[in-house]
Amino acid sequence: MTTINDIAKRANVSRTTVSRALNNSGYVSEEARKRIMKIVEETGYMPNQSAKSLRTKRSGVIGVILPRLSTETSTRVVNGINEVLAKEGFQILLTDTELDKKKEIEYIRLLKSRHVDGIILLATNVNDELIQTIRDVDLPFLAIGQDLPEVTSLVYDDYHASADLTNMLIHKGHHKIAFIGVSRDDPSVGIMREQAFRDVMEREGGVIKDHWMGTGDFSIDSGYEEMKKILRASGKNRPRAVYAVTDRMAIGAMEYLKEQGYRIPEDMAVVGIGASSLSQYVSPSLTTIDYFNKKAGQQAAELLLAKLKNEKVEEKFELTYRLILRDSV
């Protein structure tokens, strides 16, 4: 088995220089670094993680808590996180809450017991127990998607993104708009997106009816079912557009509309949020909001690394977005 001493001998450098090159810490000349890494690749050398942890007092692992592992948003964010952390020698440990608030608490405590160096949470709610648990574990912590008190948070500009989407529909002549949201337990998606919709509709003279307001659970099936309920409750006085707060629910709504013989967008315009891969391939292609999820993951990882180095980090960062106009409007 190849040891760090073997690497040092073959590269004609000290053991300390090899350690610096492997850990990306301290000065190593570019020539020596290339020589060391070439030998590491040739020999298949793997550092002893346990010994490294004892020496550095770090595990080299970052915990990532996801609301749903299967969603494209989660995948993009994780790809961004891993891309940055892997370059710094960190591994990630993924957990999936399945949108269960209690599991968020459980997994924060579990990751603490696994001696992770820090935690990134794709948050879906804000509550006192969550905030207290984050205080209790006392680890470098970062949240994506919700503005958590006392926690460095990367938040999407849900209000203005939703307002832009609603304004776009109105300016294209749609004043009768149905809305498919999610539970208000989720402040960003469940509250901010709906509030922006209501504010714009009220300001621009749009029509809001209670039976045009649905609540899904982020899934395609729930979008389908909520669209069905809205149309059945509307009778002849139906909306002319539907705004679903996620692409998946918008795609479910589109499927029901097409089954019922509605033409999109001639009879009913449809919009969503998320810029999922599926949104560009459904027919017609879906108008949506892109939140640049991979970049959010990259920025989250960079900020967490800064916290691990005890660098001063601001508490709140607002992420950008873009409106993608397609054939569903």
Protein backbone atom coordinates (compact mmCIF):
# COMPACT_ATOMS: atom_id res chain seq x y z
CA MET A 1 0.00 0.00 0.00
CA THR A 2 1.34 3.40 -0.99
CA THR A 3 1.94 5.82 1.91
CA ILE A 4 2.42 9.57 2.06
CA ASN A 5 6.12 8.91 2.67
CA ASP A 6 6.30 6.95 -0.60
CA ILE A 7 4.71 9.87 -2.46
CA ALA A 8 7.20 12.31 -0.87
CA LYS A 9 10.18 10.12 -1.78
CA ARG A 10 9.12 9.68 -5.42
CA ALA A 11 8.35 13.40 -5.81
CA ASN A 12 11.61 14.37 -4.08
CA VAL A 13 9.79 16.64 -1.63
CA SER A 14 9.03 16.59 2.08
CA ARG A 15 6.08 14.80 3.66
CA THR A 16 4.76 18.24 4.68
CA THR A 17 4.78 19.43 1.07
CA VAL A 18 2.78 16.37 -0.01
CA SER A 19 0.29 17.01 2.79
CA ARG A 20 -0.09 20.65 1.74
CA ALA A 21 -0.68 19.66 -1.88
CA LEU A 22 -3.29 17.04 -0.97
CA ASN A 23 -5.11 19.35 1.46
CA ASN A 24 -4.77 22.43 -0.75
CA SER A 25 -3.35 24.34 2.22
CA GLY A 26 -0.11 26.25 2.54
CA TYR A 27 2.33 27.14 -0.22
CA VAL A 28 3.41 24.52 -2.76
CA SER A 29 5.07 25.47 -6.04
CA GLU A 30 3.00 24.69 -9.11
CA GLU A 31 5.74 22.41 -10.44
CA ALA A 32 5.87 20.38 -7.22
CA ARG A 33 2.07 20.22 -6.99
CA LYS A 34 1.78 18.81 -10.51
CA ARG A 35 4.52 16.26 -9.80
CA ILE A 36 2.83 15.14 -6.57
CA MET A 37 -0.65 14.88 -8.10
CA LYS A 38 0.70 12.88 -11.05
CA ILE A 39 2.27 10.35 -8.66
CA VAL A 40 -0.95 10.23 -6.61
CA GLU A 41 -2.90 9.42 -9.79
CA GLU A 42 -0.39 6.80 -10.92
CA THR A 43 -0.32 5.02 -7.55
CA GLY A 44 -4.01 5.38 -6.73
CA TYR A 45 -3.03 6.76 -3.31
CA MET A 46 -5.95 7.45 -0.95
CA PRO A 47 -5.36 9.55 2.19
CA ASN A 48 -6.34 7.94 5.49
CA GLN A 49 -9.46 9.93 6.32
CA SER A 50 -9.53 8.90 9.98
CA ALA A 51 -5.94 10.02 10.53
CA LYS A 52 -6.62 13.24 8.65
CA SER A 53 -9.68 13.92 10.82
CA LEU A 54 -7.69 13.43 14.02
CA ARG A 55 -5.00 15.78 12.74
CA THR A 56 -7.23 18.54 11.39
CA LYS A 57 -10.15 18.04 13.81
CA ARG A 58 -12.42 17.99 10.76
CA SER A 59 -14.29 15.16 9.09
CA GLY A 60 -14.08 16.58 5.56
CA VAL A 61 -17.85 16.04 5.22
CA ILE A 62 -20.63 18.61 4.74
CA GLY A 63 -24.23 17.62 5.46
CA VAL A 64 -26.88 18.65 2.93
CA ILE A 65 -30.56 18.45 3.86
CA LEU A 66 -32.98 18.33 0.91
CA PRO A 67 -36.80 18.63 0.88
CA ARG A 68 -37.03 16.04 -1.91
CA LEU A 69 -34.05 14.26 -3.38
CA SER A 70 -35.95 13.38 -6.56
CA THR A 71 -36.67 16.93 -7.74
CA GLU A 72 -34.68 18.67 -10.44
CA THR A 73 -34.23 21.74 -8.24
CA SER A 74 -32.52 19.63 -5.57
CA THR A 75 -30.34 17.91 -8.16
CA ARG A 76 -29.15 21.21 -9.62
CA VAL A 77 -28.41 22.71 -6.21
CA VAL A 78 -26.51 19.60 -5.10
CA ASN A 79 -24.48 19.59 -8.32
CA GLY A 80 -23.44 23.16 -7.62
CA ILE A 81 -22.57 22.42 -3.99
CA ASN A 82 -20.56 19.32 -4.86
CA GLU A 83 -18.70 21.03 -7.70
CA VAL A 84 -17.26 23.61 -5.28
CA LEU A 85 -16.73 21.38 -2.24
CA ALA A 86 -15.04 18.55 -4.15
CA LYS A 87 -12.34 20.93 -5.33
CA GLU A 88 -11.58 21.68 -1.67
CA GLY A 89 -11.45 18.00 -0.71
CA PHE A 90 -14.87 17.82 0.96
CA GLN A 91 -17.50 15.12 0.52
CA ILE A 92 -21.24 15.64 0.99
CA LEU A 93 -23.70 13.57 2.99
CA LEU A 94 -27.25 13.89 1.61
CA THR A 95 -30.50 13.53 3.58
CA ASP A 96 -34.08 13.73 2.27
CA THR A 97 -36.87 15.12 4.47
CA GLU A 98 -39.69 14.33 2.01
CA LEU A 99 -41.14 17.75 2.94
CA ASP A 100 -41.53 16.65 6.57
CA LYS A 101 -40.73 19.50 9.01
CA LYS A 102 -39.95 17.06 11.82
CA LYS A 103 -37.35 15.31 9.67
CA GLU A 104 -35.55 18.63 9.14
CA ILE A 105 -34.99 18.78 12.90
CA GLU A 106 -34.03 15.09 13.12
CA TYR A 107 -31.51 15.32 10.30
CA ILE A 108 -29.82 18.43 11.69
CA ARG A 109 -29.23 16.53 14.94
CA LEU A 110 -28.20 13.37 13.07
CA LEU A 111 -25.64 15.23 10.98
CA LYS A 112 -24.24 16.82 14.14
CA SER A 113 -23.80 13.31 15.60
CA ARG A 114 -21.99 12.26 12.41
CA HIS A 115 -19.44 15.03 13.03
CA VAL A 116 -20.01 16.91 9.79
CA ASP A 117 -18.05 20.14 9.44
CA GLY A 118 -21.08 22.18 8.40
CA ILE A 119 -24.65 21.93 7.11
CA ILE A 120 -26.49 23.33 4.08
CA LEU A 121 -30.29 23.21 4.36
CA LEU A 122 -32.68 23.64 1.45
CA ALA A 123 -35.31 25.07 3.77
CA THR A 124 -39.06 24.76 3.24
CA ASN A 125 -40.31 26.44 6.42
CA VAL A 126 -39.39 28.80 9.23
CA ASN A 127 -40.33 27.93 12.80
CA ASP A 128 -39.00 28.41 16.33
CA GLU A 129 -38.01 24.77 16.81
CA LEU A 130 -35.93 24.80 13.63
CA ILE A 131 -34.12 28.00 14.65
CA GLN A 132 -33.45 26.68 18.16
CA THR A 133 -32.11 23.39 16.80
CA ILE A 134 -29.70 25.27 14.53
CA ARG A 135 -28.51 27.26 17.56
CA ASP A 136 -28.10 24.07 19.61
CA VAL A 137 -25.92 22.18 17.10
CA ASP A 138 -23.56 25.16 16.87
CA LEU A 139 -22.12 24.33 13.45
CA PRO A 140 -21.35 26.48 10.39
CA PHE A 141 -24.82 26.58 8.84
CA LEU A 142 -26.34 27.92 5.65
CA ALA A 143 -29.93 27.95 4.37
CA ILE A 144 -31.16 28.13 0.78
CA GLY A 145 -34.69 29.18 -0.12
CA GLN A 146 -35.90 30.69 3.18
CA ASP A 147 -34.76 33.68 5.20
CA LEU A 148 -33.92 32.09 8.56
CA PRO A 149 -33.22 34.44 11.50
CA GLU A 150 -29.59 34.39 12.71
CA VAL A 151 -28.62 32.05 9.83
CA THR A 152 -26.73 32.92 6.64
CA SER A 153 -29.49 32.57 4.05
CA LEU A 154 -29.58 32.57 0.26
CA VAL A 155 -33.11 33.53 -0.73
CA TYR A 156 -34.81 33.55 -4.08
CA ASP A 157 -36.58 36.80 -4.97
CA ASP A 158 -39.94 35.05 -4.93
CA TYR A 159 -42.01 38.20 -4.59
CA HIS A 160 -40.64 40.04 -7.61
CA ALA A 161 -40.37 36.90 -9.75
CA SER A 162 -44.03 36.14 -9.07
CA ALA A 163 -45.01 39.77 -9.67
CA ASP A 164 -43.18 39.79 -13.03
CA LEU A 165 -44.93 36.59 -14.08
CA THR A 166 -48.36 37.98 -13.14
CA ASN A 167 -47.67 41.32 -14.82
CA MET A 168 -46.63 39.53 -17.99
CA LEU A 169 -49.95 37.63 -18.11
CA ILE A 170 -51.96 40.81 -17.55
CA HIS A 171 -50.05 42.75 -20.19
CA LYS A 172 -50.84 39.95 -22.64
CA GLY A 173 -54.53 40.51 -21.98
CA HIS A 174 -55.21 37.94 -19.26
CA HIS A 175 -57.15 39.51 -16.37
CA LYS A 176 -58.98 36.35 -15.27
CA ILE A 177 -56.21 34.20 -13.80
CA ALA A 178 -56.46 31.06 -11.69
CA PHE A 179 -53.74 30.35 -9.15
CA ILE A 180 -52.36 27.02 -7.91
CA GLY A 181 -50.16 27.52 -4.84
CA VAL A 182 -48.84 25.37 -2.01
CA SER A 183 -49.23 25.32 1.77
CA ARG A 184 -48.54 28.59 3.57
CA ASP A 185 -46.20 26.64 5.87
CA ASP A 186 -43.66 27.44 3.17
CA PRO A 187 -43.13 31.23 3.51
CA SER A 188 -41.32 31.68 0.20
CA VAL A 189 -43.33 29.52 -2.19
CA GLY A 190 -46.58 29.36 -0.23
CA ILE A 191 -46.84 32.97 0.92
CA MET A 192 -44.57 35.31 -1.06
CA ARG A 193 -45.53 34.04 -4.52
CA GLU A 194 -49.25 34.23 -3.72
CA GLN A 195 -48.94 37.68 -2.11
CA ALA A 196 -47.21 39.08 -5.19
CA PHE A 197 -49.92 37.56 -7.40
CA ARG A 198 -52.68 39.14 -5.32
CA ASP A 199 -50.94 42.53 -5.14
CA VAL A 200 -50.46 42.77 -8.89
CA MET A 201 -53.97 41.54 -9.65
CA GLU A 202 -55.47 44.12 -7.30
CA ARG A 203 -53.31 46.93 -8.65
CA GLU A 204 -54.01 46.08 -12.31
CA GLY A 205 -57.71 45.35 -11.92
CA GLY A 206 -57.43 41.58 -12.37
CA VAL A 207 -60.16 39.20 -11.28
CA ILE A 208 -59.56 36.98 -8.24
CA LYS A 209 -62.17 34.41 -7.22
CA ASP A 210 -61.89 32.03 -4.28
CA HIS A 211 -62.80 29.01 -6.42
CA TRP A 212 -60.00 29.92 -8.83
CA MET A 213 -57.44 29.54 -6.01
CA GLY A 214 -56.02 26.02 -5.56
CA THR A 215 -53.45 24.48 -3.21
CA GLY A 216 -51.22 21.68 -4.44
CA ASP A 217 -48.26 19.80 -2.96
CA PHE A 218 -45.56 20.54 -5.59
CA SER A 219 -46.40 17.37 -7.57
CA ILE A 220 -47.65 16.99 -11.14
CA ASP A 221 -50.65 15.03 -9.85
CA SER A 222 -51.69 17.87 -7.54
CA GLY A 223 -51.53 20.37 -10.40
CA TYR A 224 -53.78 18.08 -12.43
CA GLU A 225 -56.29 17.68 -9.58
CA GLU A 226 -56.37 21.37 -8.64
CA MET A 227 -56.96 22.37 -12.27
CA LYS A 228 -59.83 19.91 -12.38
CA LYS A 229 -61.38 21.42 -9.22
CA ILE A 230 -60.99 24.97 -10.50
CA LEU A 231 -62.68 24.29 -13.85
CA ARG A 232 -65.49 22.23 -12.33
CA ALA A 233 -66.22 25.04 -9.83
CA SER A 234 -66.08 27.74 -12.52
CA GLY A 235 -68.85 26.62 -14.82
CA LYS A 236 -69.07 28.93 -17.85
CA ASN A 237 -67.29 31.77 -16.04
CA ARG A 238 -63.84 30.22 -16.22
CA PRO A 239 -60.41 31.83 -15.98
CA ARG A 240 -58.37 32.54 -19.12
CA ALA A 241 -54.98 31.74 -17.64
CA VAL A 242 -53.53 29.67 -14.81
CA TYR A 243 -50.43 30.45 -12.79
CA ALA A 244 -48.95 27.49 -10.87
CA VAL A 245 -46.13 28.26 -8.44
CA THR A 246 -44.02 25.31 -9.67
CA ASP A 247 -43.39 23.87 -13.12
CA ARG A 248 -44.49 20.41 -12.02
CA MET A 249 -47.91 21.65 -10.96
CA ALA A 250 -48.20 23.75 -14.12
CA ILE A 251 -47.45 20.66 -16.23
CA GLY A 252 -50.14 18.72 -14.34
CA ALA A 253 -52.62 21.55 -15.00
CA MET A 254 -51.69 21.53 -18.69
CA GLU A 255 -52.33 17.80 -18.91
CA TYR A 256 -55.84 18.14 -17.51
CA LEU A 257 -56.61 21.08 -19.80
CA LYS A 258 -55.49 19.14 -22.87
CA GLU A 259 -57.56 16.11 -21.82
CA GLN A 260 -60.61 18.38 -21.67
CA GLY A 261 -59.97 19.76 -25.13
CA TYR A 262 -58.60 23.16 -24.19
CA ARG A 263 -56.04 24.70 -26.51
CA ILE A 264 -52.99 26.20 -24.83
CA PRO A 265 -52.56 29.17 -24.99
CA GLU A 266 -55.56 30.03 -27.21
CA ASP A 267 -58.16 28.93 -24.63
CA MET A 268 -56.01 28.98 -21.51
CA ALA A 269 -52.48 30.34 -20.93
CA VAL A 270 -50.32 28.48 -18.41
CA VAL A 271 -47.19 29.54 -16.51
CA GLY A 272 -44.97 27.99 -13.83
CA ILE A 273 -41.76 28.57 -11.89
CA GLY A 274 -38.58 26.50 -11.89
CA ALA A 275 -37.26 26.24 -15.46
CA SER A 276 -37.26 22.44 -15.22
CA SER A 277 -35.91 20.44 -18.16
CA LEU A 278 -39.41 19.10 -18.75
CA SER A 279 -40.77 22.64 -19.12
CA GLN A 280 -39.04 23.10 -22.48
CA TYR A 281 -40.15 19.73 -23.87
CA VAL A 282 -43.85 19.64 -22.94
CA SER A 283 -46.20 20.76 -25.69
CA PRO A 284 -46.61 23.66 -25.81
CA SER A 285 -43.36 24.61 -24.06
CA LEU A 286 -43.95 26.21 -20.66
CA THR A 287 -43.34 29.85 -19.79
CA THR A 288 -41.44 29.86 -16.50
CA ILE A 289 -38.98 31.53 -14.13
CA ASP A 290 -35.36 30.34 -13.96
CA TYR A 291 -33.75 30.67 -10.50
CA PHE A 292 -30.27 29.46 -11.56
CA ASN A 293 -30.32 26.66 -8.97
CA LYS A 294 -26.85 25.32 -9.74
CA LYS A 295 -25.33 28.77 -9.19
CA ALA A 296 -27.22 28.96 -5.90
CA GLY A 297 -25.59 25.70 -4.84
CA GLN A 298 -22.16 26.96 -5.86
CA GLN A 299 -22.61 30.21 -3.93
CA ALA A 300 -23.89 28.33 -0.87
CA ALA A 301 -20.82 26.09 -0.85
CA GLU A 302 -18.46 29.04 -1.26
CA LEU A 303 -20.11 30.86 1.65
CA LEU A 304 -19.97 27.79 3.87
CA LEU A 305 -16.27 27.37 3.10
CA ALA A 306 -15.76 31.01 4.10
CA LYS A 307 -17.53 30.32 7.40
CA LEU A 308 -15.31 27.28 7.98
CA LYS A 309 -12.32 29.60 7.61
CA ASN A 310 -13.90 31.95 10.18
CA GLU A 311 -14.30 34.67 7.57
CA LYS A 312 -17.01 37.29 8.11
CA VAL A 313 -20.09 36.44 6.04
CA GLU A 314 -23.27 38.51 5.63
CA GLU A 315 -26.52 37.00 6.87
CA LYS A 316 -28.67 37.42 3.76
CA PHE A 317 -28.06 37.08 0.02
CA GLU A 318 -30.75 37.53 -2.62
CA LEU A 319 -30.47 35.37 -5.72
CA THR A 320 -31.28 36.51 -9.25
CA TYR A 321 -33.83 35.11 -11.71
CA ARG A 322 -34.98 35.45 -15.31
CA LEU A 323 -38.36 35.14 -17.01
CA ILE A 324 -38.39 32.65 -19.89
CA LEU A 325 -41.20 33.32 -22.38
CA ARG A 326 -42.33 30.22 -24.28
CA ASP A 327 -45.36 28.94 -26.20
CA SER A 328 -47.78 28.38 -23.29
CA VAL A 329 -48.70 32.10 -23.23
